[in-house]
PDB file of all heavy atoms in Angstrom:
ATOM      1  N   SER A   1     103.417 114.065  89.983  1.00  0.00           N
ATOM      2  CA  SER A   1     103.067 112.992  90.891  1.00  0.00           C
ATOM      3  C   SER A   1     102.061 113.679  91.925  1.00  0.00           C
ATOM      4  O   SER A   1     102.141 114.834  92.218  1.00  0.00           O
ATOM      5  CB  SER A   1     104.332 112.431  91.612  1.00  0.00           C
ATOM      6  OG  SER A   1     103.872 111.497  92.555  1.00  0.00           O
ATOM      7  N   ASP A   2     101.255 112.817  92.553  1.00  0.00           N
ATOM      8  CA  ASP A   2     100.343 113.215  93.560  1.00  0.00           C
ATOM      9  C   ASP A   2     100.934 112.814  94.961  1.00  0.00           C
ATOM     10  O   ASP A   2     100.370 113.225  95.962  1.00  0.00           O
ATOM     11  CB  ASP A   2      98.941 112.491  93.359  1.00  0.00           C
ATOM     12  CG  ASP A   2      98.267 112.954  92.103  1.00  0.00           C
ATOM     13  OD1 ASP A   2      98.414 114.110  91.746  1.00  0.00           O
ATOM     14  OD2 ASP A   2      97.577 112.166  91.533  1.00  0.00           O
ATOM     15  N   ASN A   3     102.007 112.027  94.949  1.00  0.00           N
ATOM     16  CA  ASN A   3     102.574 111.541  96.186  1.00  0.00           C
ATOM     17  C   ASN A   3     104.047 111.229  95.979  1.00  0.00           C
ATOM     18  O   ASN A   3     104.410 110.558  95.016  1.00  0.00           O
ATOM     19  CB  ASN A   3     101.804 110.323  96.752  1.00  0.00           C
ATOM     20  CG  ASN A   3     102.265 109.931  98.133  1.00  0.00           C
ATOM     21  OD1 ASN A   3     103.171 110.570  98.746  1.00  0.00           O
ATOM     22  ND2 ASN A   3     101.588 108.985  98.743  1.00  0.00           N
ATOM     23  N   LEU A   4     104.962 111.682  96.897  1.00  0.00           N
ATOM     24  CA  LEU A   4     106.243 111.475  96.711  1.00  0.00           C
ATOM     25  C   LEU A   4     106.612 109.987  96.854  1.00  0.00           C
ATOM     26  O   LEU A   4     107.673 109.528  96.330  1.00  0.00           O
ATOM     27  CB  LEU A   4     107.027 112.202  97.907  1.00  0.00           C
ATOM     28  CG  LEU A   4     107.195 113.712  97.647  1.00  0.00           C
ATOM     29  CD1 LEU A   4     107.907 114.325  98.939  1.00  0.00           C
ATOM     30  CD2 LEU A   4     107.954 114.086  96.414  1.00  0.00           C
ATOM     31  N   ALA A   5     105.813 109.253  97.559  1.00  0.00           N
ATOM     32  CA  ALA A   5     106.078 107.781  97.750  1.00  0.00           C
ATOM     33  C   ALA A   5     105.948 107.088  96.410  1.00  0.00           C
ATOM     34  O   ALA A   5     106.431 105.901  96.255  1.00  0.00           O
ATOM     35  CB  ALA A   5     105.053 107.212  98.810  1.00  0.00           C
ATOM     36  N   GLU A   6     105.295 107.685  95.403  1.00  0.00           N
ATOM     37  CA  GLU A   6     105.197 107.016  94.065  1.00  0.00           C
ATOM     38  C   GLU A   6     106.490 107.090  93.274  1.00  0.00           C
ATOM     39  O   GLU A   6     106.587 106.453  92.279  1.00  0.00           O
ATOM     40  CB  GLU A   6     104.043 107.675  93.324  1.00  0.00           C
ATOM     41  CG  GLU A   6     102.732 107.601  93.987  1.00  0.00           C
ATOM     42  CD  GLU A   6     101.682 108.294  93.232  1.00  0.00           C
ATOM     43  OE1 GLU A   6     102.001 109.052  92.229  1.00  0.00           O
ATOM     44  OE2 GLU A   6     100.468 108.199  93.580  1.00  0.00           O
ATOM     45  N   VAL A   7     107.411 107.891  93.667  1.00  0.00           N
ATOM     46  CA  VAL A   7     108.627 108.057  92.997  1.00  0.00           C
ATOM     47  C   VAL A   7     109.735 107.257  93.673  1.00  0.00           C
ATOM     48  O   VAL A   7     110.195 107.563  94.783  1.00  0.00           O
ATOM     49  CB  VAL A   7     109.085 109.556  92.925  1.00  0.00           C
ATOM     50  CG1 VAL A   7     110.322 109.708  91.958  1.00  0.00           C
ATOM     51  CG2 VAL A   7     107.932 110.375  92.343  1.00  0.00           C
ATOM     52  N   PRO A   8     110.209 106.195  93.098  1.00  0.00           N
ATOM     53  CA  PRO A   8     111.197 105.303  93.719  1.00  0.00           C
ATOM     54  C   PRO A   8     112.436 106.086  94.210  1.00  0.00           C
ATOM     55  O   PRO A   8     112.968 105.817  95.213  1.00  0.00           O
ATOM     56  CB  PRO A   8     111.467 104.281  92.680  1.00  0.00           C
ATOM     57  CG  PRO A   8     110.307 104.296  91.801  1.00  0.00           C
ATOM     58  CD  PRO A   8     109.873 105.699  91.689  1.00  0.00           C
ATOM     59  N   GLU A   9     112.951 106.925  93.352  1.00  0.00           N
ATOM     60  CA  GLU A   9     114.251 107.576  93.639  1.00  0.00           C
ATOM     61  C   GLU A   9     114.112 108.490  94.951  1.00  0.00           C
ATOM     62  O   GLU A   9     114.878 108.402  95.802  1.00  0.00           O
ATOM     63  CB  GLU A   9     114.627 108.508  92.437  1.00  0.00           C
ATOM     64  CG  GLU A   9     115.076 107.692  91.269  1.00  0.00           C
ATOM     65  CD  GLU A   9     113.820 107.434  90.359  1.00  0.00           C
ATOM     66  OE1 GLU A   9     112.648 107.671  90.851  1.00  0.00           O
ATOM     67  OE2 GLU A   9     114.006 107.075  89.160  1.00  0.00           O
ATOM     68  N   LEU A  10     113.053 109.231  94.971  1.00  0.00           N
ATOM     69  CA  LEU A  10     112.795 110.182  96.095  1.00  0.00           C
ATOM     70  C   LEU A  10     112.447 109.256  97.372  1.00  0.00           C
ATOM     71  O   LEU A  10     112.825 109.733  98.439  1.00  0.00           O
ATOM     72  CB  LEU A  10     111.684 111.120  95.803  1.00  0.00           C
ATOM     73  CG  LEU A  10     112.018 112.043  94.651  1.00  0.00           C
ATOM     74  CD1 LEU A  10     110.821 113.036  94.439  1.00  0.00           C
ATOM     75  CD2 LEU A  10     113.189 112.890  94.913  1.00  0.00           C
ATOM     76  N   LYS A  11     111.738 108.169  97.128  1.00  0.00           N
ATOM     77  CA  LYS A  11     111.389 107.369  98.297  1.00  0.00           C
ATOM     78  C   LYS A  11     112.593 106.812  98.926  1.00  0.00           C
ATOM     79  O   LYS A  11     112.857 106.742 100.174  1.00  0.00           O
ATOM     80  CB  LYS A  11     110.445 106.284  97.896  1.00  0.00           C
ATOM     81  CG  LYS A  11     109.974 105.353  99.096  1.00  0.00           C
ATOM     82  CD  LYS A  11     109.024 104.294  98.595  1.00  0.00           C
ATOM     83  CE  LYS A  11     108.530 103.461  99.749  1.00  0.00           C
ATOM     84  NZ  LYS A  11     107.572 102.383  99.248  1.00  0.00           N
ATOM     85  N   GLY A  12     113.611 106.349  98.118  1.00  0.00           N
ATOM     86  CA  GLY A  12     114.845 105.741  98.594  1.00  0.00           C
ATOM     87  C   GLY A  12     115.660 106.817  99.317  1.00  0.00           C
ATOM     88  O   GLY A  12     116.309 106.676 100.391  1.00  0.00           O
ATOM     89  N   MET A  13     115.698 108.079  98.762  1.00  0.00           N
ATOM     90  CA  MET A  13     116.346 109.200  99.426  1.00  0.00           C
ATOM     91  C   MET A  13     115.766 109.504 100.797  1.00  0.00           C
ATOM     92  O   MET A  13     116.496 109.724 101.741  1.00  0.00           O
ATOM     93  CB  MET A  13     116.347 110.433  98.519  1.00  0.00           C
ATOM     94  CG  MET A  13     117.180 110.237  97.251  1.00  0.00           C
ATOM     95  SD  MET A  13     116.863 111.699  96.113  1.00  0.00           S
ATOM     96  CE  MET A  13     117.472 113.022  97.208  1.00  0.00           C
ATOM     97  N   ALA A  14     114.529 109.527 100.807  1.00  0.00           N
ATOM     98  CA  ALA A  14     113.811 109.809 102.106  1.00  0.00           C
ATOM     99  C   ALA A  14     114.092 108.755 103.102  1.00  0.00           C
ATOM    100  O   ALA A  14     114.410 109.011 104.304  1.00  0.00           O
ATOM    101  CB  ALA A  14     112.322 109.918 101.870  1.00  0.00           C
ATOM    102  N   TYR A  15     114.098 107.452 102.701  1.00  0.00           N
ATOM    103  CA  TYR A  15     114.352 106.321 103.608  1.00  0.00           C
ATOM    104  C   TYR A  15     115.839 106.436 104.137  1.00  0.00           C
ATOM    105  O   TYR A  15     116.129 106.202 105.302  1.00  0.00           O
ATOM    106  CB  TYR A  15     114.189 105.036 102.952  1.00  0.00           C
ATOM    107  CG  TYR A  15     114.500 103.882 103.819  1.00  0.00           C
ATOM    108  CD1 TYR A  15     113.642 103.444 104.825  1.00  0.00           C
ATOM    109  CD2 TYR A  15     115.658 103.076 103.604  1.00  0.00           C
ATOM    110  CE1 TYR A  15     113.900 102.327 105.627  1.00  0.00           C
ATOM    111  CE2 TYR A  15     115.918 101.961 104.384  1.00  0.00           C
ATOM    112  CZ  TYR A  15     115.077 101.661 105.364  1.00  0.00           C
ATOM    113  OH  TYR A  15     115.372 100.570 106.191  1.00  0.00           O
ATOM    114  N   GLU A  16     116.810 106.816 103.127  1.00  0.00           N
ATOM    115  CA  GLU A  16     118.201 106.915 103.579  1.00  0.00           C
ATOM    116  C   GLU A  16     118.445 108.007 104.561  1.00  0.00           C
ATOM    117  O   GLU A  16     119.051 107.866 105.506  1.00  0.00           O
ATOM    118  CB  GLU A  16     118.964 107.121 102.311  1.00  0.00           C
ATOM    119  CG  GLU A  16     120.447 107.143 102.621  1.00  0.00           C
ATOM    120  CD  GLU A  16     121.260 107.453 101.382  1.00  0.00           C
ATOM    121  OE1 GLU A  16     120.628 107.442 100.277  1.00  0.00           O
ATOM    122  OE2 GLU A  16     122.532 107.619 101.385  1.00  0.00           O
ATOM    123  N   ASP A  17     117.753 109.145 104.396  1.00  0.00           N
ATOM    124  CA  ASP A  17     117.900 110.305 105.287  1.00  0.00           C
ATOM    125  C   ASP A  17     117.309 109.922 106.582  1.00  0.00           C
ATOM    126  O   ASP A  17     117.855 110.263 107.680  1.00  0.00           O
ATOM    127  CB  ASP A  17     117.190 111.551 104.689  1.00  0.00           C
ATOM    128  CG  ASP A  17     117.812 112.020 103.406  1.00  0.00           C
ATOM    129  OD1 ASP A  17     119.081 111.691 103.286  1.00  0.00           O
ATOM    130  OD2 ASP A  17     117.237 112.693 102.715  1.00  0.00           O
ATOM    131  N   SER A  18     116.157 109.136 106.585  1.00  0.00           N
ATOM    132  CA  SER A  18     115.531 108.797 107.896  1.00  0.00           C
ATOM    133  C   SER A  18     116.473 107.836 108.668  1.00  0.00           C
ATOM    134  O   SER A  18     116.624 107.912 109.856  1.00  0.00           O
ATOM    135  CB  SER A  18     114.185 108.187 107.645  1.00  0.00           C
ATOM    136  OG  SER A  18     113.617 107.683 108.838  1.00  0.00           O
ATOM    137  N   SER A  19     117.133 106.919 107.921  1.00  0.00           N
ATOM    138  CA  SER A  19     118.049 105.974 108.517  1.00  0.00           C
ATOM    139  C   SER A  19     119.168 106.675 109.146  1.00  0.00           C
ATOM    140  O   SER A  19     119.696 106.356 110.321  1.00  0.00           O
ATOM    141  CB  SER A  19     118.432 104.949 107.492  1.00  0.00           C
ATOM    142  OG  SER A  19     117.352 104.188 106.965  1.00  0.00           O
ATOM    143  N   LYS A  20     119.738 107.673 108.422  1.00  0.00           N
ATOM    144  CA  LYS A  20     120.898 108.475 108.976  1.00  0.00           C
ATOM    145  C   LYS A  20     120.470 109.180 110.282  1.00  0.00           C
ATOM    146  O   LYS A  20     121.158 109.201 111.261  1.00  0.00           O
ATOM    147  CB  LYS A  20     121.329 109.411 107.920  1.00  0.00           C
ATOM    148  CG  LYS A  20     122.063 108.807 106.782  1.00  0.00           C
ATOM    149  CD  LYS A  20     122.575 109.867 105.800  1.00  0.00           C
ATOM    150  CE  LYS A  20     123.305 109.134 104.575  1.00  0.00           C
ATOM    151  NZ  LYS A  20     123.794 110.124 103.675  1.00  0.00           N
ATOM    152  N   VAL A  21     119.273 109.817 110.230  1.00  0.00           N
ATOM    153  CA  VAL A  21     118.816 110.502 111.465  1.00  0.00           C
ATOM    154  C   VAL A  21     118.739 109.545 112.603  1.00  0.00           C
ATOM    155  O   VAL A  21     119.060 109.906 113.736  1.00  0.00           O
ATOM    156  CB  VAL A  21     117.490 111.273 111.150  1.00  0.00           C
ATOM    157  CG1 VAL A  21     117.035 111.859 112.458  1.00  0.00           C
ATOM    158  CG2 VAL A  21     117.819 112.352 110.151  1.00  0.00           C
ATOM    159  N   THR A  22     118.080 108.364 112.352  1.00  0.00           N
ATOM    160  CA  THR A  22     117.873 107.359 113.404  1.00  0.00           C
ATOM    161  C   THR A  22     119.283 106.888 113.977  1.00  0.00           C
ATOM    162  O   THR A  22     119.354 106.748 115.239  1.00  0.00           O
ATOM    163  CB  THR A  22     117.081 106.137 112.860  1.00  0.00           C
ATOM    164  OG1 THR A  22     115.853 106.602 112.384  1.00  0.00           O
ATOM    165  CG2 THR A  22     116.828 105.225 113.960  1.00  0.00           C
ATOM    166  N   SER A  23     120.288 106.692 113.067  1.00  0.00           N
ATOM    167  CA  SER A  23     121.484 106.242 113.574  1.00  0.00           C
ATOM    168  C   SER A  23     122.175 107.315 114.466  1.00  0.00           C
ATOM    169  O   SER A  23     122.773 106.971 115.519  1.00  0.00           O
ATOM    170  CB  SER A  23     122.461 105.898 112.359  1.00  0.00           C
ATOM    171  OG  SER A  23     121.860 104.946 111.541  1.00  0.00           O
ATOM    172  N   TYR A  24     122.034 108.578 114.031  1.00  0.00           N
ATOM    173  CA  TYR A  24     122.568 109.588 114.852  1.00  0.00           C
ATOM    174  C   TYR A  24     121.983 109.719 116.206  1.00  0.00           C
ATOM    175  O   TYR A  24     122.600 110.041 117.182  1.00  0.00           O
ATOM    176  CB  TYR A  24     122.519 110.993 114.080  1.00  0.00           C
ATOM    177  CG  TYR A  24     123.290 111.088 112.837  1.00  0.00           C
ATOM    178  CD1 TYR A  24     122.935 111.809 111.784  1.00  0.00           C
ATOM    179  CD2 TYR A  24     124.496 110.375 112.746  1.00  0.00           C
ATOM    180  CE1 TYR A  24     123.656 111.918 110.602  1.00  0.00           C
ATOM    181  CE2 TYR A  24     125.221 110.391 111.515  1.00  0.00           C
ATOM    182  CZ  TYR A  24     124.866 111.180 110.521  1.00  0.00           C
ATOM    183  OH  TYR A  24     125.572 111.328 109.378  1.00  0.00           O
ATOM    184  N   LEU A  25     120.573 109.575 116.222  1.00  0.00           N
ATOM    185  CA  LEU A  25     119.902 109.583 117.543  1.00  0.00           C
ATOM    186  C   LEU A  25     120.410 108.436 118.425  1.00  0.00           C
ATOM    187  O   LEU A  25     120.550 108.662 119.660  1.00  0.00           O
ATOM    188  CB  LEU A  25     118.434 109.506 117.304  1.00  0.00           C
ATOM    189  CG  LEU A  25     117.773 110.769 116.626  1.00  0.00           C
ATOM    190  CD1 LEU A  25     116.335 110.595 116.344  1.00  0.00           C
ATOM    191  CD2 LEU A  25     117.892 111.944 117.480  1.00  0.00           C
ATOM    192  N   ILE A  26     120.501 107.318 117.869  1.00  0.00           N
ATOM    193  CA  ILE A  26     120.961 106.043 118.708  1.00  0.00           C
ATOM    194  C   ILE A  26     122.332 106.318 119.187  1.00  0.00           C
ATOM    195  O   ILE A  26     122.653 106.097 120.511  1.00  0.00           O
ATOM    196  CB  ILE A  26     120.870 104.767 117.894  1.00  0.00           C
ATOM    197  CG1 ILE A  26     119.426 104.478 117.469  1.00  0.00           C
ATOM    198  CG2 ILE A  26     121.567 103.650 118.589  1.00  0.00           C
ATOM    199  CD1 ILE A  26     119.323 103.215 116.602  1.00  0.00           C
ATOM    200  N   ILE A  27     123.288 106.796 118.390  1.00  0.00           N
ATOM    201  CA  ILE A  27     124.578 107.099 118.877  1.00  0.00           C
ATOM    202  C   ILE A  27     124.632 108.175 119.950  1.00  0.00           C
ATOM    203  O   ILE A  27     125.377 108.039 120.982  1.00  0.00           O
ATOM    204  CB  ILE A  27     125.506 107.547 117.634  1.00  0.00           C
ATOM    205  CG1 ILE A  27     125.692 106.425 116.746  1.00  0.00           C
ATOM    206  CG2 ILE A  27     126.845 108.043 118.171  1.00  0.00           C
ATOM    207  CD1 ILE A  27     126.378 106.762 115.408  1.00  0.00           C
ATOM    208  N   ALA A  28     123.811 109.248 119.819  1.00  0.00           N
ATOM    209  CA  ALA A  28     123.812 110.235 120.771  1.00  0.00           C
ATOM    210  C   ALA A  28     123.259 109.710 122.089  1.00  0.00           C
ATOM    211  O   ALA A  28     123.733 110.034 123.209  1.00  0.00           O
ATOM    212  CB  ALA A  28     122.956 111.448 120.215  1.00  0.00           C
ATOM    213  N   LEU A  29     122.160 108.903 122.023  1.00  0.00           N
ATOM    214  CA  LEU A  29     121.571 108.360 123.257  1.00  0.00           C
ATOM    215  C   LEU A  29     122.544 107.482 123.961  1.00  0.00           C
ATOM    216  O   LEU A  29     122.633 107.528 125.174  1.00  0.00           O
ATOM    217  CB  LEU A  29     120.310 107.541 122.801  1.00  0.00           C
ATOM    218  CG  LEU A  29     119.460 106.993 123.971  1.00  0.00           C
ATOM    219  CD1 LEU A  29     119.075 108.106 124.935  1.00  0.00           C
ATOM    220  CD2 LEU A  29     118.260 106.209 123.465  1.00  0.00           C
ATOM    221  N   VAL A  30     123.235 106.548 123.235  1.00  0.00           N
ATOM    222  CA  VAL A  30     124.270 105.682 123.860  1.00  0.00           C
ATOM    223  C   VAL A  30     125.311 106.493 124.538  1.00  0.00           C
ATOM    224  O   VAL A  30     125.774 106.178 125.673  1.00  0.00           O
ATOM    225  CB  VAL A  30     124.778 104.683 122.823  1.00  0.00           C
ATOM    226  CG1 VAL A  30     125.871 103.855 123.398  1.00  0.00           C
ATOM    227  CG2 VAL A  30     123.680 103.744 122.339  1.00  0.00           C
ATOM    228  N   SER A  31     125.752 107.533 123.855  1.00  0.00           N
ATOM    229  CA  SER A  31     126.875 108.328 124.417  1.00  0.00           C
ATOM    230  C   SER A  31     126.504 108.998 125.715  1.00  0.00           C
ATOM    231  O   SER A  31     127.186 108.992 126.744  1.00  0.00           O
ATOM    232  CB  SER A  31     127.335 109.374 123.385  1.00  0.00           C
ATOM    233  OG  SER A  31     127.733 108.793 122.160  1.00  0.00           O
ATOM    234  N   VAL A  32     125.234 109.612 125.719  1.00  0.00           N
ATOM    235  CA  VAL A  32     124.689 110.255 126.900  1.00  0.00           C
ATOM    236  C   VAL A  32     124.527 109.198 128.076  1.00  0.00           C
ATOM    237  O   VAL A  32     124.861 109.483 129.243  1.00  0.00           O
ATOM    238  CB  VAL A  32     123.416 110.952 126.595  1.00  0.00           C
ATOM    239  CG1 VAL A  32     122.842 111.506 127.892  1.00  0.00           C
ATOM    240  CG2 VAL A  32     123.752 112.164 125.681  1.00  0.00           C
ATOM    241  N   SER A  33     124.017 108.071 127.751  1.00  0.00           N
ATOM    242  CA  SER A  33     123.779 107.087 128.814  1.00  0.00           C
ATOM    243  C   SER A  33     125.061 106.569 129.381  1.00  0.00           C
ATOM    244  O   SER A  33     125.134 106.393 130.620  1.00  0.00           O
ATOM    245  CB  SER A  33     122.981 105.864 128.143  1.00  0.00           C
ATOM    246  OG  SER A  33     121.697 106.288 127.676  1.00  0.00           O
ATOM    247  N   THR A  34     126.111 106.339 128.537  1.00  0.00           N
ATOM    248  CA  THR A  34     127.336 105.900 128.989  1.00  0.00           C
ATOM    249  C   THR A  34     128.067 106.864 129.967  1.00  0.00           C
ATOM    250  O   THR A  34     128.513 106.600 130.974  1.00  0.00           O
ATOM    251  CB  THR A  34     128.306 105.601 127.755  1.00  0.00           C
ATOM    252  OG1 THR A  34     127.689 104.570 126.941  1.00  0.00           O
ATOM    253  CG2 THR A  34     129.681 105.103 128.284  1.00  0.00           C
TER     254      THR A  34
END
């Protein structure tokens, strides 16, 4: 492949990892703010 985005399996994995990181950041931010 010339681009990881062309592979559905890897693209889904990357999106899932990104979502997990975003969730962790939101939880950490809310905890610190509280």
